[in-house]
Amino acid sequence: MTADGIAAGWIAADWGSSNLRAWAMDGAGRVVAEAGSARGAATLAAEAFEPALLEVVGPWLAGAARTDVIVCGMAGGQGTVA
């Protein structure tokens, strides 16, 4: 578990040009938490993508465990997301 009590089985994110929205999903595909940011893909330099994503989903990451993150939207149109 994480500090806020939520450890995502996986994370879904919709990263548009003006907003980032993310959902922590459990193993059965149910939403267990959601968060967002006004740090859209069009507002960020390539090196700012990873910190912006971690700002939103970081609380759902369980230490050293690997968590899949599936991103759709404009994020792929701006370069690579680490």
C-alpha atoms as a PDB file:
ATOM      1  CA  MET A   1       0.000   0.000   0.000  1.00  0.00           C
ATOM      2  CA  THR A   2       1.023   3.586  -0.503  1.00  0.00           C
ATOM      3  CA  ALA A   3       0.882   6.450   1.967  1.00  0.00           C
ATOM      4  CA  ASP A   4      -2.695   7.291   0.948  1.00  0.00           C
ATOM      5  CA  GLY A   5      -3.758   3.627   1.131  1.00  0.00           C
ATOM      6  CA  ILE A   6      -4.134   3.126  -2.626  1.00  0.00           C
ATOM      7  CA  ALA A   7      -1.840   0.900  -4.651  1.00  0.00           C
ATOM      8  CA  ALA A   8      -2.935   0.710  -8.274  1.00  0.00           C
ATOM      9  CA  GLY A   9      -2.948  -2.597 -10.087  1.00  0.00           C
ATOM     10  CA  TRP A  10      -2.438  -0.449 -13.175  1.00  0.00           C
ATOM     11  CA  ILE A  11      -3.007   3.159 -14.178  1.00  0.00           C
ATOM     12  CA  ALA A  12      -5.009   4.615 -17.069  1.00  0.00           C
ATOM     13  CA  ALA A  13      -4.243   8.164 -18.210  1.00  0.00           C
ATOM     14  CA  ASP A  14      -5.774  10.496 -20.754  1.00  0.00           C
ATOM     15  CA  TRP A  15      -3.241  13.215 -21.501  1.00  0.00           C
ATOM     16  CA  GLY A  16      -4.775  15.862 -23.702  1.00  0.00           C
ATOM     17  CA  SER A  17      -3.230  19.073 -24.892  1.00  0.00           C
ATOM     18  CA  SER A  18      -4.599  21.049 -21.934  1.00  0.00           C
ATOM     19  CA  ASN A  19      -5.159  18.507 -19.125  1.00  0.00           C
ATOM     20  CA  LEU A  20      -3.902  15.237 -17.683  1.00  0.00           C
ATOM     21  CA  ARG A  21      -6.468  12.893 -16.140  1.00  0.00           C
ATOM     22  CA  ALA A  22      -5.548   9.600 -14.498  1.00  0.00           C
ATOM     23  CA  TRP A  23      -7.308   6.692 -12.833  1.00  0.00           C
ATOM     24  CA  ALA A  24      -5.871   4.079 -10.472  1.00  0.00           C
ATOM     25  CA  MET A  25      -7.372   0.729 -11.431  1.00  0.00           C
ATOM     26  CA  ASP A  26      -7.574  -2.450  -9.385  1.00  0.00           C
ATOM     27  CA  GLY A  27      -6.951  -5.931 -10.747  1.00  0.00           C
ATOM     28  CA  ALA A  28     -10.623  -6.308 -11.725  1.00  0.00           C
ATOM     29  CA  GLY A  29     -10.613  -3.104 -13.800  1.00  0.00           C
ATOM     30  CA  ARG A  30     -12.486  -0.966 -11.267  1.00  0.00           C
ATOM     31  CA  VAL A  31     -11.508   2.659 -10.652  1.00  0.00           C
ATOM     32  CA  VAL A  32     -10.200   3.025  -7.092  1.00  0.00           C
ATOM     33  CA  ALA A  33      -8.947   6.621  -7.341  1.00  0.00           C
ATOM     34  CA  GLU A  34      -8.726   9.465  -9.828  1.00  0.00           C
ATOM     35  CA  ALA A  35      -6.615  12.592 -10.131  1.00  0.00           C
ATOM     36  CA  GLY A  36      -5.762  15.250 -12.652  1.00  0.00           C
ATOM     37  CA  SER A  37      -3.639  18.229 -13.529  1.00  0.00           C
ATOM     38  CA  ALA A  38      -3.794  21.275 -15.785  1.00  0.00           C
ATOM     39  CA  ARG A  39      -0.337  20.309 -17.112  1.00  0.00           C
ATOM     40  CA  GLY A  40      -1.462  19.324 -20.587  1.00  0.00           C
ATOM     41  CA  ALA A  41       0.825  17.837 -23.219  1.00  0.00           C
ATOM     42  CA  ALA A  42       0.933  21.078 -25.209  1.00  0.00           C
ATOM     43  CA  THR A  43       2.253  22.986 -22.193  1.00  0.00           C
ATOM     44  CA  LEU A  44       5.295  20.800 -21.485  1.00  0.00           C
ATOM     45  CA  ALA A  45       8.800  20.398 -22.843  1.00  0.00           C
ATOM     46  CA  ALA A  46       9.835  16.775 -23.457  1.00  0.00           C
ATOM     47  CA  GLU A  47      11.879  16.579 -20.235  1.00  0.00           C
ATOM     48  CA  ALA A  48       8.877  17.713 -18.157  1.00  0.00           C
ATOM     49  CA  PHE A  49       6.584  14.791 -19.060  1.00  0.00           C
ATOM     50  CA  GLU A  50       7.882  12.282 -16.527  1.00  0.00           C
ATOM     51  CA  PRO A  51       7.817  14.705 -13.557  1.00  0.00           C
ATOM     52  CA  ALA A  52       4.308  15.877 -14.524  1.00  0.00           C
ATOM     53  CA  LEU A  53       3.037  12.302 -14.709  1.00  0.00           C
ATOM     54  CA  LEU A  54       4.659  11.310 -11.413  1.00  0.00           C
ATOM     55  CA  GLU A  55       3.136  14.364  -9.743  1.00  0.00           C
ATOM     56  CA  VAL A  56      -0.315  12.953 -10.515  1.00  0.00           C
ATOM     57  CA  VAL A  57       0.161   9.176 -10.220  1.00  0.00           C
ATOM     58  CA  GLY A  58       3.093   8.973  -7.788  1.00  0.00           C
ATOM     59  CA  PRO A  59       0.881   8.459  -4.730  1.00  0.00           C
ATOM     60  CA  TRP A  60      -0.506   5.271  -6.307  1.00  0.00           C
ATOM     61  CA  LEU A  61       2.871   3.647  -6.967  1.00  0.00           C
ATOM     62  CA  ALA A  62       3.792   0.922  -4.501  1.00  0.00           C
ATOM     63  CA  GLY A  63       7.516   1.264  -3.836  1.00  0.00           C
ATOM     64  CA  ALA A  64       9.681  -0.962  -6.002  1.00  0.00           C
ATOM     65  CA  ALA A  65       6.744  -2.840  -7.542  1.00  0.00           C
ATOM     66  CA  ARG A  66       6.225  -2.332 -11.269  1.00  0.00           C
ATOM     67  CA  THR A  67       2.956  -0.622 -12.233  1.00  0.00           C
ATOM     68  CA  ASP A  68       1.780  -0.509 -15.842  1.00  0.00           C
ATOM     69  CA  VAL A  69       0.620   2.912 -17.029  1.00  0.00           C
ATOM     70  CA  ILE A  70      -1.413   3.130 -20.234  1.00  0.00           C
ATOM     71  CA  VAL A  71      -1.532   6.650 -21.688  1.00  0.00           C
ATOM     72  CA  CYS A  72      -3.760   7.861 -24.510  1.00  0.00           C
ATOM     73  CA  GLY A  73      -4.288  11.290 -25.978  1.00  0.00           C
ATOM     74  CA  MET A  74      -1.823  13.959 -27.037  1.00  0.00           C
ATOM     75  CA  ALA A  75       1.109  12.769 -24.911  1.00  0.00           C
ATOM     76  CA  GLY A  76       2.372  10.571 -27.749  1.00  0.00           C
ATOM     77  CA  GLY A  77       2.224  13.465 -30.181  1.00  0.00           C
ATOM     78  CA  GLN A  78       4.693  15.515 -28.168  1.00  0.00           C
ATOM     79  CA  GLY A  79       7.603  13.078 -27.988  1.00  0.00           C
ATOM     80  CA  THR A  80       8.216  10.187 -25.653  1.00  0.00           C
ATOM     81  CA  VAL A  81       6.963   9.755 -22.115  1.00  0.00           C
ATOM     82  CA  ALA A  82       9.473   8.035 -19.860  1.00  0.00           C
END
